[in-house]
Amino acid sequence: MGSYDQSQLIRAIKIGLLCVQPRPEDRPTMSMVVLMLTSDIELPQPKDPSLDLYENNFNMNLDLDNISQNSLSTSSVLAPR
């Protein structure tokens, strides 16, 4: 197995994480990605996904008292033998 520079590996992973931010406007442009890969500029911090959900007003709370047996369903997938 070849050797690698651990700091360069971590930097590449961080850049990759910036490229998969949930909101496209939070992702770097390709020219910025090239600059980040070829220089030592400081990388921006990825946004916290939980904060992103909060900012977009997603309501993740379930009202379990209002769930009835009739509102639940099950599905089965049948496959040939």
PDB file of N, CA and C in Angstrom:
ATOM      1  N   MET A   1       0.845  -1.169   0.000  1.00  0.00           N
ATOM      2  CA  MET A   1       0.000   0.000   0.000  1.00  0.00           C
ATOM      3  C   MET A   1       0.890   1.232   0.000  1.00  0.00           C
ATOM      4  N   GLY A   2       0.560   2.223  -0.807  1.00  0.00           N
ATOM      5  CA  GLY A   2       1.363   3.427  -0.916  1.00  0.00           C
ATOM      6  C   GLY A   2       1.217   4.330   0.290  1.00  0.00           C
ATOM      7  N   SER A   3       2.127   5.272   0.382  1.00  0.00           N
ATOM      8  CA  SER A   3       2.054   6.226   1.492  1.00  0.00           C
ATOM      9  C   SER A   3       1.249   7.449   1.047  1.00  0.00           C
ATOM     10  N   TYR A   4       0.781   8.182   2.009  1.00  0.00           N
ATOM     11  CA  TYR A   4      -0.001   9.378   1.724  1.00  0.00           C
ATOM     12  C   TYR A   4       0.229  10.394   2.826  1.00  0.00           C
ATOM     13  N   ASP A   5      -0.069  11.639   2.510  1.00  0.00           N
ATOM     14  CA  ASP A   5       0.027  12.717   3.482  1.00  0.00           C
ATOM     15  C   ASP A   5      -1.339  12.826   4.162  1.00  0.00           C
ATOM     16  N   GLN A   6      -1.375  12.531   5.447  1.00  0.00           N
ATOM     17  CA  GLN A   6      -2.649  12.499   6.173  1.00  0.00           C
ATOM     18  C   GLN A   6      -3.366  13.849   6.116  1.00  0.00           C
ATOM     19  N   SER A   7      -2.651  14.956   6.212  1.00  0.00           N
ATOM     20  CA  SER A   7      -3.302  16.269   6.187  1.00  0.00           C
ATOM     21  C   SER A   7      -3.936  16.534   4.818  1.00  0.00           C
ATOM     22  N   GLN A   8      -3.293  16.061   3.730  1.00  0.00           N
ATOM     23  CA  GLN A   8      -3.880  16.230   2.399  1.00  0.00           C
ATOM     24  C   GLN A   8      -5.128  15.363   2.244  1.00  0.00           C
ATOM     25  N   LEU A   9      -5.096  14.179   2.811  1.00  0.00           N
ATOM     26  CA  LEU A   9      -6.258  13.292   2.761  1.00  0.00           C
ATOM     27  C   LEU A   9      -7.441  13.915   3.496  1.00  0.00           C
ATOM     28  N   ILE A  10      -7.196  14.430   4.680  1.00  0.00           N
ATOM     29  CA  ILE A  10      -8.262  15.064   5.465  1.00  0.00           C
ATOM     30  C   ILE A  10      -8.803  16.282   4.731  1.00  0.00           C
ATOM     31  N   ARG A  11      -7.924  17.060   4.115  1.00  0.00           N
ATOM     32  CA  ARG A  11      -8.350  18.239   3.352  1.00  0.00           C
ATOM     33  C   ARG A  11      -9.253  17.815   2.187  1.00  0.00           C
ATOM     34  N   ALA A  12      -8.872  16.761   1.470  1.00  0.00           N
ATOM     35  CA  ALA A  12      -9.677  16.294   0.337  1.00  0.00           C
ATOM     36  C   ALA A  12     -11.052  15.821   0.808  1.00  0.00           C
ATOM     37  N   ILE A  13     -11.104  15.153   1.947  1.00  0.00           N
ATOM     38  CA  ILE A  13     -12.387  14.698   2.498  1.00  0.00           C
ATOM     39  C   ILE A  13     -13.257  15.896   2.864  1.00  0.00           C
ATOM     40  N   LYS A  14     -12.663  16.911   3.492  1.00  0.00           N
ATOM     41  CA  LYS A  14     -13.430  18.109   3.862  1.00  0.00           C
ATOM     42  C   LYS A  14     -13.972  18.813   2.625  1.00  0.00           C
ATOM     43  N   ILE A  15     -13.163  18.893   1.575  1.00  0.00           N
ATOM     44  CA  ILE A  15     -13.626  19.522   0.334  1.00  0.00           C
ATOM     45  C   ILE A  15     -14.781  18.710  -0.249  1.00  0.00           C
ATOM     46  N   GLY A  16     -14.663  17.396  -0.213  1.00  0.00           N
ATOM     47  CA  GLY A  16     -15.750  16.541  -0.686  1.00  0.00           C
ATOM     48  C   GLY A  16     -17.034  16.764   0.090  1.00  0.00           C
ATOM     49  N   LEU A  17     -16.917  16.931   1.404  1.00  0.00           N
ATOM     50  CA  LEU A  17     -18.107  17.185   2.225  1.00  0.00           C
ATOM     51  C   LEU A  17     -18.741  18.531   1.889  1.00  0.00           C
ATOM     52  N   LEU A  18     -17.910  19.517   1.561  1.00  0.00           N
ATOM     53  CA  LEU A  18     -18.452  20.813   1.148  1.00  0.00           C
ATOM     54  C   LEU A  18     -19.250  20.681  -0.149  1.00  0.00           C
ATOM     55  N   CYS A  19     -18.829  19.764  -1.014  1.00  0.00           N
ATOM     56  CA  CYS A  19     -19.469  19.591  -2.325  1.00  0.00           C
ATOM     57  C   CYS A  19     -20.808  18.864  -2.252  1.00  0.00           C
ATOM     58  N   VAL A  20     -21.122  18.256  -1.128  1.00  0.00           N
ATOM     59  CA  VAL A  20     -22.383  17.516  -1.006  1.00  0.00           C
ATOM     60  C   VAL A  20     -23.308  18.141   0.039  1.00  0.00           C
ATOM     61  N   GLN A  21     -23.176  19.439   0.257  1.00  0.00           N
ATOM     62  CA  GLN A  21     -24.078  20.135   1.167  1.00  0.00           C
ATOM     63  C   GLN A  21     -25.514  19.964   0.674  1.00  0.00           C
ATOM     64  N   PRO A  22     -26.493  19.855   1.576  1.00  0.00           N
ATOM     65  CA  PRO A  22     -27.885  19.646   1.164  1.00  0.00           C
ATOM     66  C   PRO A  22     -28.422  20.758   0.256  1.00  0.00           C
ATOM     67  N   ARG A  23     -28.032  21.989   0.520  1.00  0.00           N
ATOM     68  CA  ARG A  23     -28.530  23.122  -0.267  1.00  0.00           C
ATOM     69  C   ARG A  23     -27.486  23.501  -1.315  1.00  0.00           C
ATOM     70  N   PRO A  24     -27.846  23.508  -2.593  1.00  0.00           N
ATOM     71  CA  PRO A  24     -26.876  23.820  -3.649  1.00  0.00           C
ATOM     72  C   PRO A  24     -26.155  25.150  -3.450  1.00  0.00           C
ATOM     73  N   GLU A  25     -26.839  26.130  -2.912  1.00  0.00           N
ATOM     74  CA  GLU A  25     -26.200  27.443  -2.729  1.00  0.00           C
ATOM     75  C   GLU A  25     -25.093  27.416  -1.676  1.00  0.00           C
ATOM     76  N   ASP A  26     -25.042  26.377  -0.861  1.00  0.00           N
ATOM     77  CA  ASP A  26     -23.982  26.241   0.145  1.00  0.00           C
ATOM     78  C   ASP A  26     -22.757  25.506  -0.396  1.00  0.00           C
ATOM     79  N   ARG A  27     -22.864  24.945  -1.602  1.00  0.00           N
ATOM     80  CA  ARG A  27     -21.760  24.186  -2.196  1.00  0.00           C
ATOM     81  C   ARG A  27     -20.798  25.132  -2.918  1.00  0.00           C
ATOM     82  N   PRO A  28     -19.503  24.793  -2.935  1.00  0.00           N
ATOM     83  CA  PRO A  28     -18.542  25.633  -3.664  1.00  0.00           C
ATOM     84  C   PRO A  28     -18.687  25.439  -5.174  1.00  0.00           C
ATOM     85  N   THR A  29     -18.288  26.463  -5.924  1.00  0.00           N
ATOM     86  CA  THR A  29     -18.251  26.340  -7.377  1.00  0.00           C
ATOM     87  C   THR A  29     -17.073  25.449  -7.758  1.00  0.00           C
ATOM     88  N   MET A  30     -17.066  24.961  -8.986  1.00  0.00           N
ATOM     89  CA  MET A  30     -15.958  24.106  -9.421  1.00  0.00           C
ATOM     90  C   MET A  30     -14.641  24.869  -9.411  1.00  0.00           C
ATOM     91  N   SER A  31     -14.677  26.153  -9.786  1.00  0.00           N
ATOM     92  CA  SER A  31     -13.427  26.923  -9.759  1.00  0.00           C
ATOM     93  C   SER A  31     -12.919  27.068  -8.325  1.00  0.00           C
ATOM     94  N   MET A  32     -13.828  27.182  -7.360  1.00  0.00           N
ATOM     95  CA  MET A  32     -13.421  27.261  -5.954  1.00  0.00           C
ATOM     96  C   MET A  32     -12.876  25.915  -5.483  1.00  0.00           C
ATOM     97  N   VAL A  33     -13.475  24.813  -5.947  1.00  0.00           N
ATOM     98  CA  VAL A  33     -12.978  23.479  -5.589  1.00  0.00           C
ATOM     99  C   VAL A  33     -11.552  23.303  -6.095  1.00  0.00           C
ATOM    100  N   VAL A  34     -11.302  23.707  -7.344  1.00  0.00           N
ATOM    101  CA  VAL A  34      -9.948  23.608  -7.905  1.00  0.00           C
ATOM    102  C   VAL A  34      -8.986  24.446  -7.080  1.00  0.00           C
ATOM    103  N   LEU A  35      -9.386  25.654  -6.708  1.00  0.00           N
ATOM    104  CA  LEU A  35      -8.534  26.520  -5.888  1.00  0.00           C
ATOM    105  C   LEU A  35      -8.255  25.876  -4.533  1.00  0.00           C
ATOM    106  N   MET A  36      -9.282  25.291  -3.920  1.00  0.00           N
ATOM    107  CA  MET A  36      -9.094  24.644  -2.616  1.00  0.00           C
ATOM    108  C   MET A  36      -8.160  23.440  -2.724  1.00  0.00           C
ATOM    109  N   LEU A  37      -8.238  22.704  -3.841  1.00  0.00           N
ATOM    110  CA  LEU A  37      -7.397  21.523  -4.021  1.00  0.00           C
ATOM    111  C   LEU A  37      -5.944  21.870  -4.349  1.00  0.00           C
ATOM    112  N   THR A  38      -5.733  23.017  -4.965  1.00  0.00           N
ATOM    113  CA  THR A  38      -4.386  23.360  -5.435  1.00  0.00           C
ATOM    114  C   THR A  38      -3.688  24.423  -4.604  1.00  0.00           C
ATOM    115  N   SER A  39      -4.303  24.856  -3.525  1.00  0.00           N
ATOM    116  CA  SER A  39      -3.672  25.873  -2.677  1.00  0.00           C
ATOM    117  C   SER A  39      -3.900  25.526  -1.212  1.00  0.00           C
ATOM    118  N   ASP A  40      -3.406  26.372  -0.357  1.00  0.00           N
ATOM    119  CA  ASP A  40      -3.555  26.160   1.084  1.00  0.00           C
ATOM    120  C   ASP A  40      -4.553  27.134   1.706  1.00  0.00           C
ATOM    121  N   ILE A  41      -5.514  27.634   0.893  1.00  0.00           N
ATOM    122  CA  ILE A  41      -6.481  28.571   1.463  1.00  0.00           C
ATOM    123  C   ILE A  41      -7.289  27.865   2.542  1.00  0.00           C
ATOM    124  N   GLU A  42      -7.763  28.657   3.493  1.00  0.00           N
ATOM    125  CA  GLU A  42      -8.561  28.097   4.583  1.00  0.00           C
ATOM    126  C   GLU A  42      -9.908  27.642   4.040  1.00  0.00           C
ATOM    127  N   LEU A  43     -10.324  26.458   4.449  1.00  0.00           N
ATOM    128  CA  LEU A  43     -11.597  25.913   3.983  1.00  0.00           C
ATOM    129  C   LEU A  43     -12.743  26.437   4.838  1.00  0.00           C
ATOM    130  N   PRO A  44     -13.878  26.773   4.202  1.00  0.00           N
ATOM    131  CA  PRO A  44     -15.043  27.162   4.999  1.00  0.00           C
ATOM    132  C   PRO A  44     -15.587  25.959   5.752  1.00  0.00           C
ATOM    133  N   GLN A  45     -16.272  26.215   6.836  1.00  0.00           N
ATOM    134  CA  GLN A  45     -16.893  25.143   7.616  1.00  0.00           C
ATOM    135  C   GLN A  45     -18.176  24.715   6.922  1.00  0.00           C
ATOM    136  N   PRO A  46     -18.409  23.406   6.778  1.00  0.00           N
ATOM    137  CA  PRO A  46     -19.705  22.961   6.244  1.00  0.00           C
ATOM    138  C   PRO A  46     -20.817  23.365   7.209  1.00  0.00           C
ATOM    139  N   LYS A  47     -21.986  23.647   6.656  1.00  0.00           N
ATOM    140  CA  LYS A  47     -23.120  23.979   7.514  1.00  0.00           C
ATOM    141  C   LYS A  47     -23.569  22.732   8.250  1.00  0.00           C
ATOM    142  N   ASP A  48     -24.040  22.923   9.450  1.00  0.00           N
ATOM    143  CA  ASP A  48     -24.564  21.826  10.260  1.00  0.00           C
ATOM    144  C   ASP A  48     -25.918  21.416   9.678  1.00  0.00           C
ATOM    145  N   PRO A  49     -26.059  20.159   9.236  1.00  0.00           N
ATOM    146  CA  PRO A  49     -27.332  19.737   8.639  1.00  0.00           C
ATOM    147  C   PRO A  49     -28.532  19.952   9.548  1.00  0.00           C
ATOM    148  N   SER A  50     -28.358  19.803  10.860  1.00  0.00           N
ATOM    149  CA  SER A  50     -29.496  19.996  11.760  1.00  0.00           C
ATOM    150  C   SER A  50     -29.922  21.455  11.768  1.00  0.00           C
ATOM    151  N   LEU A  51     -28.972  22.370  11.642  1.00  0.00           N
ATOM    152  CA  LEU A  51     -29.325  23.786  11.566  1.00  0.00           C
ATOM    153  C   LEU A  51     -30.020  24.087  10.253  1.00  0.00           C
ATOM    154  N   ASP A  52     -29.594  23.430   9.185  1.00  0.00           N
ATOM    155  CA  ASP A  52     -30.212  23.619   7.885  1.00  0.00           C
ATOM    156  C   ASP A  52     -31.679  23.208   7.938  1.00  0.00           C
ATOM    157  N   LEU A  53     -31.970  22.094   8.582  1.00  0.00           N
ATOM    158  CA  LEU A  53     -33.357  21.663   8.726  1.00  0.00           C
ATOM    159  C   LEU A  53     -34.156  22.672   9.534  1.00  0.00           C
ATOM    160  N   TYR A  54     -33.563  23.197  10.599  1.00  0.00           N
ATOM    161  CA  TYR A  54     -34.253  24.170  11.444  1.00  0.00           C
ATOM    162  C   TYR A  54     -34.545  25.440  10.658  1.00  0.00           C
ATOM    163  N   GLU A  55     -33.561  25.914   9.891  1.00  0.00           N
ATOM    164  CA  GLU A  55     -33.729  27.152   9.136  1.00  0.00           C
ATOM    165  C   GLU A  55     -34.818  27.022   8.081  1.00  0.00           C
ATOM    166  N   ASN A  56     -35.012  25.833   7.547  1.00  0.00           N
ATOM    167  CA  ASN A  56     -36.024  25.628   6.518  1.00  0.00           C
ATOM    168  C   ASN A  56     -37.390  25.288   7.100  1.00  0.00           C
ATOM    169  N   ASN A  57     -37.520  25.415   8.420  1.00  0.00           N
ATOM    170  CA  ASN A  57     -38.794  25.213   9.107  1.00  0.00           C
ATOM    171  C   ASN A  57     -39.384  23.823   8.906  1.00  0.00           C
ATOM    172  N   PHE A  58     -38.546  22.820   8.887  1.00  0.00           N
ATOM    173  CA  PHE A  58     -39.044  21.453   8.842  1.00  0.00           C
ATOM    174  C   PHE A  58     -39.519  21.094  10.240  1.00  0.00           C
ATOM    175  N   ASN A  59     -40.691  20.532  10.307  1.00  0.00           N
ATOM    176  CA  ASN A  59     -41.214  20.104  11.594  1.00  0.00           C
ATOM    177  C   ASN A  59     -41.008  18.608  11.701  1.00  0.00           C
ATOM    178  N   MET A  60     -40.058  18.207  12.524  1.00  0.00           N
ATOM    179  CA  MET A  60     -39.725  16.800  12.653  1.00  0.00           C
ATOM    180  C   MET A  60     -40.437  16.143  13.836  1.00  0.00           C
ATOM    181  N   ASN A  61     -41.310  16.885  14.512  1.00  0.00           N
ATOM    182  CA  ASN A  61     -42.008  16.328  15.667  1.00  0.00           C
ATOM    183  C   ASN A  61     -43.227  15.536  15.206  1.00  0.00           C
ATOM    184  N   LEU A  62     -43.419  14.372  15.763  1.00  0.00           N
ATOM    185  CA  LEU A  62     -44.589  13.561  15.458  1.00  0.00           C
ATOM    186  C   LEU A  62     -45.567  13.642  16.618  1.00  0.00           C
ATOM    187  N   ASP A  63     -46.825  13.827  16.300  1.00  0.00           N
ATOM    188  CA  ASP A  63     -47.861  13.825  17.316  1.00  0.00           C
ATOM    189  C   ASP A  63     -48.385  12.399  17.426  1.00  0.00           C
ATOM    190  N   LEU A  64     -47.757  11.608  18.285  1.00  0.00           N
ATOM    191  CA  LEU A  64     -48.085  10.188  18.396  1.00  0.00           C
ATOM    192  C   LEU A  64     -49.486   9.949  18.935  1.00  0.00           C
ATOM    193  N   ASP A  65     -50.065  10.920  19.629  1.00  0.00           N
ATOM    194  CA  ASP A  65     -51.412  10.749  20.164  1.00  0.00           C
ATOM    195  C   ASP A  65     -52.460  10.713  19.054  1.00  0.00           C
ATOM    196  N   ASN A  66     -52.165  11.306  17.905  1.00  0.00           N
ATOM    197  CA  ASN A  66     -53.137  11.386  16.822  1.00  0.00           C
ATOM    198  C   ASN A  66     -52.971  10.286  15.777  1.00  0.00           C
ATOM    199  N   ILE A  67     -52.092   9.347  16.016  1.00  0.00           N
ATOM    200  CA  ILE A  67     -51.924   8.242  15.080  1.00  0.00           C
ATOM    201  C   ILE A  67     -52.855   7.113  15.504  1.00  0.00           C
ATOM    202  N   SER A  68     -53.726   6.721  14.599  1.00  0.00           N
ATOM    203  CA  SER A  68     -54.640   5.621  14.900  1.00  0.00           C
ATOM    204  C   SER A  68     -54.184   4.371  14.158  1.00  0.00           C
ATOM    205  N   GLN A  69     -54.750   3.252  14.550  1.00  0.00           N
ATOM    206  CA  GLN A  69     -54.390   1.996  13.907  1.00  0.00           C
ATOM    207  C   GLN A  69     -54.762   2.030  12.428  1.00  0.00           C
ATOM    208  N   ASN A  70     -55.820   2.738  12.072  1.00  0.00           N
ATOM    209  CA  ASN A  70     -56.257   2.804  10.683  1.00  0.00           C
ATOM    210  C   ASN A  70     -55.311   3.612   9.803  1.00  0.00           C
ATOM    211  N   SER A  71     -54.493   4.459  10.394  1.00  0.00           N
ATOM    212  CA  SER A  71     -53.609   5.284   9.579  1.00  0.00           C
ATOM    213  C   SER A  71     -52.287   4.595   9.273  1.00  0.00           C
ATOM    214  N   LEU A  72     -52.086   3.421   9.865  1.00  0.00           N
ATOM    215  CA  LEU A  72     -50.855   2.680   9.616  1.00  0.00           C
ATOM    216  C   LEU A  72     -51.091   1.637   8.536  1.00  0.00           C
ATOM    217  N   SER A  73     -50.102   1.420   7.694  1.00  0.00           N
ATOM    218  CA  SER A  73     -50.229   0.392   6.670  1.00  0.00           C
ATOM    219  C   SER A  73     -48.921  -0.375   6.557  1.00  0.00           C
ATOM    220  N   THR A  74     -49.026  -1.559   6.000  1.00  0.00           N
ATOM    221  CA  THR A  74     -47.831  -2.366   5.768  1.00  0.00           C
ATOM    222  C   THR A  74     -47.788  -2.740   4.299  1.00  0.00           C
ATOM    223  N   SER A  75     -46.608  -2.992   3.808  1.00  0.00           N
ATOM    224  CA  SER A  75     -46.425  -3.402   2.417  1.00  0.00           C
ATOM    225  C   SER A  75     -45.562  -4.646   2.387  1.00  0.00           C
ATOM    226  N   SER A  76     -45.861  -5.518   1.451  1.00  0.00           N
ATOM    227  CA  SER A  76     -45.059  -6.725   1.261  1.00  0.00           C
ATOM    228  C   SER A  76     -44.628  -6.797  -0.190  1.00  0.00           C
ATOM    229  N   VAL A  77     -43.418  -7.220  -0.400  1.00  0.00           N
ATOM    230  CA  VAL A  77     -42.919  -7.429  -1.752  1.00  0.00           C
ATOM    231  C   VAL A  77     -42.744  -8.926  -1.929  1.00  0.00           C
ATOM    232  N   LEU A  78     -43.436  -9.468  -2.909  1.00  0.00           N
ATOM    233  CA  LEU A  78     -43.360 -10.900  -3.165  1.00  0.00           C
ATOM    234  C   LEU A  78     -42.399 -11.149  -4.313  1.00  0.00           C
ATOM    235  N   ALA A  79     -41.518 -12.098  -4.124  1.00  0.00           N
ATOM    236  CA  ALA A  79     -40.555 -12.443  -5.166  1.00  0.00           C
ATOM    237  C   ALA A  79     -40.680 -13.927  -5.472  1.00  0.00           C
ATOM    238  N   PRO A  80     -40.496 -14.307  -6.733  1.00  0.00           N
ATOM    239  CA  PRO A  80     -40.565 -15.731  -7.062  1.00  0.00           C
ATOM    240  C   PRO A  80     -39.409 -16.494  -6.438  1.00  0.00           C
ATOM    241  N   ARG A  81     -39.634 -17.772  -6.206  1.00  0.00           N
ATOM    242  CA  ARG A  81     -38.587 -18.613  -5.615  1.00  0.00           C
ATOM    243  C   ARG A  81     -37.668 -19.142  -6.667  1.00  0.00           C
TER     244      ARG A  81
END
